[in-house]
Full PDB file with SEQRES, HELIX, SHEET, SSBOND, CRYST1, ORIGX, SCALE, CONECT and MASTER records, all heavy atoms in Angstrom:
SEQRES   1 A   29  VAL VAL ARG VAL ALA ALA GLU ARG GLY TYR ASP PRO VAL          
SEQRES   2 A   29  LEU VAL ASP LEU ASP PRO TRP ALA GLY GLY SER ASP VAL          
SEQRES   3 A   29  LEU LEU GLY                                                  
HELIX    1 AA1 VAL A    2  GLU A    7  1                                   6    
HELIX    2 AA2 SER A   24  LEU A   27  1                                   4    
CRYST1    1.000    1.000    1.000  90.00  90.00  90.00 P 1           1          
ORIGX1      1.000000  0.000000  0.000000        0.00000                         
ORIGX2      0.000000  1.000000  0.000000        0.00000                         
ORIGX3      0.000000  0.000000  1.000000        0.00000                         
SCALE1      1.000000  0.000000  0.000000        0.00000                         
SCALE2      0.000000  1.000000  0.000000        0.00000                         
SCALE3      0.000000  0.000000  1.000000        0.00000                         
ATOM      1  N   VAL A   1     -33.338  48.945 411.243  1.00  0.00           N  
ATOM      2  CA  VAL A   1     -34.742  49.365 411.229  1.00  0.00           C  
ATOM      3  C   VAL A   1     -35.269  49.385 409.797  1.00  0.00           C  
ATOM      4  O   VAL A   1     -36.386  48.925 409.519  1.00  0.00           O  
ATOM      5  CB  VAL A   1     -34.912  50.746 411.895  1.00  0.00           C  
ATOM      6  CG1 VAL A   1     -36.305  51.291 411.648  1.00  0.00           C  
ATOM      7  CG2 VAL A   1     -34.655  50.649 413.398  1.00  0.00           C  
ATOM      8  N   VAL A   2     -34.472  49.919 408.865  1.00  0.00           N  
ATOM      9  CA  VAL A   2     -34.896  49.949 407.469  1.00  0.00           C  
ATOM     10  C   VAL A   2     -35.104  48.531 406.945  1.00  0.00           C  
ATOM     11  O   VAL A   2     -36.098  48.243 406.266  1.00  0.00           O  
ATOM     12  CB  VAL A   2     -33.857  50.708 406.616  1.00  0.00           C  
ATOM     13  CG1 VAL A   2     -34.139  50.508 405.129  1.00  0.00           C  
ATOM     14  CG2 VAL A   2     -33.869  52.192 406.958  1.00  0.00           C  
ATOM     15  N   ARG A   3     -34.181  47.631 407.262  1.00  0.00           N  
ATOM     16  CA  ARG A   3     -34.325  46.243 406.802  1.00  0.00           C  
ATOM     17  C   ARG A   3     -35.610  45.604 407.322  1.00  0.00           C  
ATOM     18  O   ARG A   3     -36.397  45.043 406.550  1.00  0.00           O  
ATOM     19  CB  ARG A   3     -33.117  45.405 407.226  1.00  0.00           C  
ATOM     20  CG  ARG A   3     -33.340  43.899 407.021  1.00  0.00           C  
ATOM     21  CD  ARG A   3     -32.171  43.070 407.468  1.00  0.00           C  
ATOM     22  NE  ARG A   3     -31.121  43.058 406.487  1.00  0.00           N  
ATOM     23  CZ  ARG A   3     -31.097  42.285 405.383  1.00  0.00           C  
ATOM     24  NH1 ARG A   3     -32.128  41.479 405.116  1.00  0.00           N  
ATOM     25  NH2 ARG A   3     -30.090  42.315 404.553  1.00  0.00           N  
ATOM     26  N   VAL A   4     -35.808  45.664 408.621  1.00  0.00           N  
ATOM     27  CA  VAL A   4     -36.972  45.001 409.210  1.00  0.00           C  
ATOM     28  C   VAL A   4     -38.265  45.639 408.698  1.00  0.00           C  
ATOM     29  O   VAL A   4     -39.241  44.939 408.396  1.00  0.00           O  
ATOM     30  CB  VAL A   4     -36.900  45.044 410.748  1.00  0.00           C  
ATOM     31  CG1 VAL A   4     -38.154  44.435 411.364  1.00  0.00           C  
ATOM     32  CG2 VAL A   4     -35.659  44.293 411.240  1.00  0.00           C  
ATOM     33  N   ALA A   5     -38.273  46.965 408.558  1.00  0.00           N  
ATOM     34  CA  ALA A   5     -39.457  47.642 408.041  1.00  0.00           C  
ATOM     35  C   ALA A   5     -39.753  47.194 406.612  1.00  0.00           C  
ATOM     36  O   ALA A   5     -40.914  46.953 406.246  1.00  0.00           O  
ATOM     37  CB  ALA A   5     -39.265  49.149 408.102  1.00  0.00           C  
ATOM     38  N   ALA A   6     -38.707  47.085 405.784  1.00  0.00           N  
ATOM     39  CA  ALA A   6     -38.908  46.654 404.397  1.00  0.00           C  
ATOM     40  C   ALA A   6     -39.397  45.212 404.348  1.00  0.00           C  
ATOM     41  O   ALA A   6     -40.280  44.877 403.552  1.00  0.00           O  
ATOM     42  CB  ALA A   6     -37.608  46.818 403.614  1.00  0.00           C  
ATOM     43  N   GLU A   7     -38.829  44.352 405.184  1.00  0.00           N  
ATOM     44  CA  GLU A   7     -39.264  42.958 405.212  1.00  0.00           C  
ATOM     45  C   GLU A   7     -40.723  42.829 405.626  1.00  0.00           C  
ATOM     46  O   GLU A   7     -41.418  41.901 405.194  1.00  0.00           O  
ATOM     47  CB  GLU A   7     -38.375  42.152 406.157  1.00  0.00           C  
ATOM     48  CG  GLU A   7     -36.961  41.953 405.637  1.00  0.00           C  
ATOM     49  CD  GLU A   7     -36.051  41.245 406.628  1.00  0.00           C  
ATOM     50  OE1 GLU A   7     -36.459  41.079 407.813  1.00  0.00           O  
ATOM     51  OE2 GLU A   7     -34.936  40.875 406.242  1.00  0.00           O  
ATOM     52  N   ARG A   8     -41.186  43.746 406.452  1.00  0.00           N  
ATOM     53  CA  ARG A   8     -42.583  43.725 406.887  1.00  0.00           C  
ATOM     54  C   ARG A   8     -43.529  44.387 405.880  1.00  0.00           C  
ATOM     55  O   ARG A   8     -44.738  44.408 406.082  1.00  0.00           O  
ATOM     56  CB  ARG A   8     -42.723  44.441 408.237  1.00  0.00           C  
ATOM     57  CG  ARG A   8     -42.053  43.727 409.395  1.00  0.00           C  
ATOM     58  CD  ARG A   8     -42.328  44.480 410.687  1.00  0.00           C  
ATOM     59  NE  ARG A   8     -41.712  43.847 411.844  1.00  0.00           N  
ATOM     60  CZ  ARG A   8     -41.873  44.277 413.095  1.00  0.00           C  
ATOM     61  NH1 ARG A   8     -42.626  45.340 413.332  1.00  0.00           N  
ATOM     62  NH2 ARG A   8     -41.280  43.658 414.101  1.00  0.00           N  
ATOM     63  N   GLY A   9     -42.973  44.942 404.816  1.00  0.00           N  
ATOM     64  CA  GLY A   9     -43.800  45.578 403.811  1.00  0.00           C  
ATOM     65  C   GLY A   9     -44.246  46.977 404.158  1.00  0.00           C  
ATOM     66  O   GLY A   9     -45.274  47.456 403.643  1.00  0.00           O  
ATOM     67  N   TYR A  10     -43.484  47.682 404.993  1.00  0.00           N  
ATOM     68  CA  TYR A  10     -43.866  49.017 405.428  1.00  0.00           C  
ATOM     69  C   TYR A  10     -43.441  50.129 404.471  1.00  0.00           C  
ATOM     70  O   TYR A  10     -43.719  51.305 404.731  1.00  0.00           O  
ATOM     71  CB  TYR A  10     -43.268  49.314 406.806  1.00  0.00           C  
ATOM     72  CG  TYR A  10     -43.846  48.510 407.948  1.00  0.00           C  
ATOM     73  CD1 TYR A  10     -43.181  48.440 409.168  1.00  0.00           C  
ATOM     74  CD2 TYR A  10     -45.054  47.837 407.819  1.00  0.00           C  
ATOM     75  CE1 TYR A  10     -43.710  47.714 410.241  1.00  0.00           C  
ATOM     76  CE2 TYR A  10     -45.583  47.104 408.873  1.00  0.00           C  
ATOM     77  CZ  TYR A  10     -44.903  47.050 410.071  1.00  0.00           C  
ATOM     78  OH  TYR A  10     -45.424  46.326 411.127  1.00  0.00           O  
ATOM     79  N   ASP A  11     -42.721  49.792 403.397  1.00  0.00           N  
ATOM     80  CA  ASP A  11     -42.276  50.799 402.417  1.00  0.00           C  
ATOM     81  C   ASP A  11     -41.522  51.944 403.092  1.00  0.00           C  
ATOM     82  O   ASP A  11     -41.908  53.121 402.993  1.00  0.00           O  
ATOM     83  CB  ASP A  11     -43.466  51.360 401.639  1.00  0.00           C  
ATOM     84  CG  ASP A  11     -44.217  50.286 400.855  1.00  0.00           C  
ATOM     85  OD1 ASP A  11     -43.554  49.379 400.330  1.00  0.00           O  
ATOM     86  OD2 ASP A  11     -45.456  50.353 400.784  1.00  0.00           O  
ATOM     87  N   PRO A  12     -40.409  51.645 403.761  1.00  0.00           N  
ATOM     88  CA  PRO A  12     -39.695  52.699 404.489  1.00  0.00           C  
ATOM     89  C   PRO A  12     -38.848  53.577 403.578  1.00  0.00           C  
ATOM     90  O   PRO A  12     -38.360  53.143 402.525  1.00  0.00           O  
ATOM     91  CB  PRO A  12     -38.790  51.897 405.433  1.00  0.00           C  
ATOM     92  CG  PRO A  12     -38.471  50.651 404.648  1.00  0.00           C  
ATOM     93  CD  PRO A  12     -39.746  50.332 403.897  1.00  0.00           C  
ATOM     94  N   VAL A  13     -38.678  54.814 403.999  1.00  0.00           N  
ATOM     95  CA  VAL A  13     -37.738  55.731 403.362  1.00  0.00           C  
ATOM     96  C   VAL A  13     -36.784  56.244 404.434  1.00  0.00           C  
ATOM     97  O   VAL A  13     -37.223  56.745 405.477  1.00  0.00           O  
ATOM     98  CB  VAL A  13     -38.457  56.923 402.697  1.00  0.00           C  
ATOM     99  CG1 VAL A  13     -37.434  57.924 402.153  1.00  0.00           C  
ATOM    100  CG2 VAL A  13     -39.362  56.448 401.573  1.00  0.00           C  
ATOM    101  N   LEU A  14     -35.495  56.106 404.183  1.00  0.00           N  
ATOM    102  CA  LEU A  14     -34.476  56.684 405.057  1.00  0.00           C  
ATOM    103  C   LEU A  14     -34.208  58.103 404.576  1.00  0.00           C  
ATOM    104  O   LEU A  14     -33.841  58.314 403.411  1.00  0.00           O  
ATOM    105  CB  LEU A  14     -33.200  55.853 405.016  1.00  0.00           C  
ATOM    106  CG  LEU A  14     -32.006  56.376 405.822  1.00  0.00           C  
ATOM    107  CD1 LEU A  14     -32.339  56.480 407.312  1.00  0.00           C  
ATOM    108  CD2 LEU A  14     -30.784  55.483 405.616  1.00  0.00           C  
ATOM    109  N   VAL A  15     -34.400  59.072 405.447  1.00  0.00           N  
ATOM    110  CA  VAL A  15     -34.208  60.483 405.104  1.00  0.00           C  
ATOM    111  C   VAL A  15     -32.924  60.967 405.762  1.00  0.00           C  
ATOM    112  O   VAL A  15     -32.782  60.946 406.987  1.00  0.00           O  
ATOM    113  CB  VAL A  15     -35.408  61.335 405.572  1.00  0.00           C  
ATOM    114  CG1 VAL A  15     -35.191  62.802 405.196  1.00  0.00           C  
ATOM    115  CG2 VAL A  15     -36.705  60.816 404.955  1.00  0.00           C  
ATOM    116  N   ASP A  16     -32.008  61.411 404.943  1.00  0.00           N  
ATOM    117  CA  ASP A  16     -30.671  61.821 405.369  1.00  0.00           C  
ATOM    118  C   ASP A  16     -30.649  63.328 405.574  1.00  0.00           C  
ATOM    119  O   ASP A  16     -30.798  64.091 404.611  1.00  0.00           O  
ATOM    120  CB  ASP A  16     -29.687  61.392 404.272  1.00  0.00           C  
ATOM    121  CG  ASP A  16     -28.258  61.829 404.528  1.00  0.00           C  
ATOM    122  OD1 ASP A  16     -27.972  62.356 405.620  1.00  0.00           O  
ATOM    123  OD2 ASP A  16     -27.420  61.632 403.625  1.00  0.00           O  
ATOM    124  N   LEU A  17     -30.475  63.767 406.813  1.00  0.00           N  
ATOM    125  CA  LEU A  17     -30.461  65.204 407.102  1.00  0.00           C  
ATOM    126  C   LEU A  17     -29.068  65.743 407.416  1.00  0.00           C  
ATOM    127  O   LEU A  17     -28.941  66.874 407.881  1.00  0.00           O  
ATOM    128  CB  LEU A  17     -31.406  65.510 408.274  1.00  0.00           C  
ATOM    129  CG  LEU A  17     -32.889  65.231 408.039  1.00  0.00           C  
ATOM    130  CD1 LEU A  17     -33.702  65.648 409.269  1.00  0.00           C  
ATOM    131  CD2 LEU A  17     -33.399  65.942 406.800  1.00  0.00           C  
ATOM    132  N   ASP A  18     -28.031  64.950 407.177  1.00  0.00           N  
ATOM    133  CA  ASP A  18     -26.673  65.388 407.482  1.00  0.00           C  
ATOM    134  C   ASP A  18     -25.858  65.448 406.189  1.00  0.00           C  
ATOM    135  O   ASP A  18     -25.421  64.422 405.669  1.00  0.00           O  
ATOM    136  CB  ASP A  18     -26.016  64.420 408.468  1.00  0.00           C  
ATOM    137  CG  ASP A  18     -24.665  64.918 408.948  1.00  0.00           C  
ATOM    138  OD1 ASP A  18     -24.176  65.938 408.426  1.00  0.00           O  
ATOM    139  OD2 ASP A  18     -24.081  64.280 409.845  1.00  0.00           O  
ATOM    140  N   PRO A  19     -25.633  66.641 405.644  1.00  0.00           N  
ATOM    141  CA  PRO A  19     -24.926  66.735 404.358  1.00  0.00           C  
ATOM    142  C   PRO A  19     -23.457  66.346 404.429  1.00  0.00           C  
ATOM    143  O   PRO A  19     -22.839  66.095 403.391  1.00  0.00           O  
ATOM    144  CB  PRO A  19     -25.074  68.221 403.988  1.00  0.00           C  
ATOM    145  CG  PRO A  19     -25.301  68.928 405.273  1.00  0.00           C  
ATOM    146  CD  PRO A  19     -26.066  67.967 406.140  1.00  0.00           C  
ATOM    147  N   TRP A  20     -22.894  66.270 405.630  1.00  0.00           N  
ATOM    148  CA  TRP A  20     -21.451  66.033 405.740  1.00  0.00           C  
ATOM    149  C   TRP A  20     -21.119  64.616 406.199  1.00  0.00           C  
ATOM    150  O   TRP A  20     -19.971  64.337 406.527  1.00  0.00           O  
ATOM    151  CB  TRP A  20     -20.835  67.053 406.710  1.00  0.00           C  
ATOM    152  CG  TRP A  20     -21.340  68.442 406.523  1.00  0.00           C  
ATOM    153  CD1 TRP A  20     -21.939  69.242 407.447  1.00  0.00           C  
ATOM    154  CD2 TRP A  20     -21.313  69.219 405.313  1.00  0.00           C  
ATOM    155  NE1 TRP A  20     -22.296  70.447 406.900  1.00  0.00           N  
ATOM    156  CE2 TRP A  20     -21.919  70.473 405.596  1.00  0.00           C  
ATOM    157  CE3 TRP A  20     -20.843  68.976 404.020  1.00  0.00           C  
ATOM    158  CZ2 TRP A  20     -22.059  71.479 404.645  1.00  0.00           C  
ATOM    159  CZ3 TRP A  20     -20.996  69.973 403.060  1.00  0.00           C  
ATOM    160  CH2 TRP A  20     -21.585  71.206 403.381  1.00  0.00           C  
ATOM    161  N   ALA A  21     -22.089  63.717 406.211  1.00  0.00           N  
ATOM    162  CA  ALA A  21     -21.858  62.367 406.731  1.00  0.00           C  
ATOM    163  C   ALA A  21     -21.535  61.349 405.651  1.00  0.00           C  
ATOM    164  O   ALA A  21     -21.366  60.171 405.954  1.00  0.00           O  
ATOM    165  CB  ALA A  21     -23.075  61.900 407.523  1.00  0.00           C  
ATOM    166  N   GLY A  22     -21.448  61.784 404.401  1.00  0.00           N  
ATOM    167  CA  GLY A  22     -21.051  60.859 403.348  1.00  0.00           C  
ATOM    168  C   GLY A  22     -22.190  60.206 402.606  1.00  0.00           C  
ATOM    169  O   GLY A  22     -21.963  59.414 401.693  1.00  0.00           O  
ATOM    170  N   GLY A  23     -23.425  60.519 402.972  1.00  0.00           N  
ATOM    171  CA  GLY A  23     -24.568  60.006 402.230  1.00  0.00           C  
ATOM    172  C   GLY A  23     -25.151  58.736 402.805  1.00  0.00           C  
ATOM    173  O   GLY A  23     -24.473  57.711 402.901  1.00  0.00           O  
ATOM    174  N   SER A  24     -26.430  58.780 403.177  1.00  0.00           N  
ATOM    175  CA  SER A  24     -27.083  57.596 403.726  1.00  0.00           C  
ATOM    176  C   SER A  24     -27.369  56.541 402.668  1.00  0.00           C  
ATOM    177  O   SER A  24     -27.709  55.407 403.005  1.00  0.00           O  
ATOM    178  CB  SER A  24     -28.397  57.978 404.422  1.00  0.00           C  
ATOM    179  OG  SER A  24     -28.140  58.648 405.640  1.00  0.00           O  
ATOM    180  N   ASP A  25     -27.244  56.902 401.380  1.00  0.00           N  
ATOM    181  CA  ASP A  25     -27.355  55.870 400.352  1.00  0.00           C  
ATOM    182  C   ASP A  25     -26.207  54.870 400.476  1.00  0.00           C  
ATOM    183  O   ASP A  25     -26.368  53.675 400.179  1.00  0.00           O  
ATOM    184  CB  ASP A  25     -27.406  56.488 398.954  1.00  0.00           C  
ATOM    185  CG  ASP A  25     -26.304  57.506 398.695  1.00  0.00           C  
ATOM    186  OD1 ASP A  25     -25.516  57.803 399.610  1.00  0.00           O  
ATOM    187  OD2 ASP A  25     -26.253  58.028 397.558  1.00  0.00           O  
ATOM    188  N   VAL A  26     -25.057  55.338 400.960  1.00  0.00           N  
ATOM    189  CA  VAL A  26     -23.923  54.433 401.205  1.00  0.00           C  
ATOM    190  C   VAL A  26     -24.262  53.447 402.319  1.00  0.00           C  
ATOM    191  O   VAL A  26     -23.937  52.262 402.246  1.00  0.00           O  
ATOM    192  CB  VAL A  26     -22.651  55.240 401.564  1.00  0.00           C  
ATOM    193  CG1 VAL A  26     -21.495  54.317 401.891  1.00  0.00           C  
ATOM    194  CG2 VAL A  26     -22.277  56.169 400.413  1.00  0.00           C  
ATOM    195  N   LEU A  27     -24.941  53.945 403.350  1.00  0.00           N  
ATOM    196  CA  LEU A  27     -25.349  53.098 404.469  1.00  0.00           C  
ATOM    197  C   LEU A  27     -26.200  51.928 403.990  1.00  0.00           C  
ATOM    198  O   LEU A  27     -26.087  50.812 404.500  1.00  0.00           O  
ATOM    199  CB  LEU A  27     -26.138  53.940 405.487  1.00  0.00           C  
ATOM    200  CG  LEU A  27     -26.752  53.220 406.684  1.00  0.00           C  
ATOM    201  CD1 LEU A  27     -25.673  52.678 407.599  1.00  0.00           C  
ATOM    202  CD2 LEU A  27     -27.664  54.163 407.453  1.00  0.00           C  
ATOM    203  N   LEU A  28     -27.046  52.164 402.977  1.00  0.00           N  
ATOM    204  CA  LEU A  28     -27.932  51.123 402.473  1.00  0.00           C  
ATOM    205  C   LEU A  28     -27.348  50.383 401.273  1.00  0.00           C  
ATOM    206  O   LEU A  28     -28.006  49.503 400.712  1.00  0.00           O  
ATOM    207  CB  LEU A  28     -29.283  51.737 402.070  1.00  0.00           C  
ATOM    208  CG  LEU A  28     -30.042  52.515 403.144  1.00  0.00           C  
ATOM    209  CD1 LEU A  28     -31.435  52.879 402.640  1.00  0.00           C  
ATOM    210  CD2 LEU A  28     -30.134  51.727 404.444  1.00  0.00           C  
ATOM    211  N   GLY A  29     -26.144  50.743 400.871  1.00  0.00           N  
ATOM    212  CA  GLY A  29     -25.544  50.102 399.708  1.00  0.00           C  
ATOM    213  C   GLY A  29     -26.170  50.541 398.400  1.00  0.00           C  
ATOM    214  O   GLY A  29     -26.118  49.823 397.397  1.00  0.00           O  
TER     215      GLY A  29                                                      
MASTER        0    0    0    2    0    0    0    6  214    1    0    3          
END                                                                             
């Protein structure tokens, strides 16, 4: 979803609400 939104120019932000999941920045590289 983040990829497709960014490709469409929607300026997406992924908001990570789980402190114990290892960080959503890892998910996006």
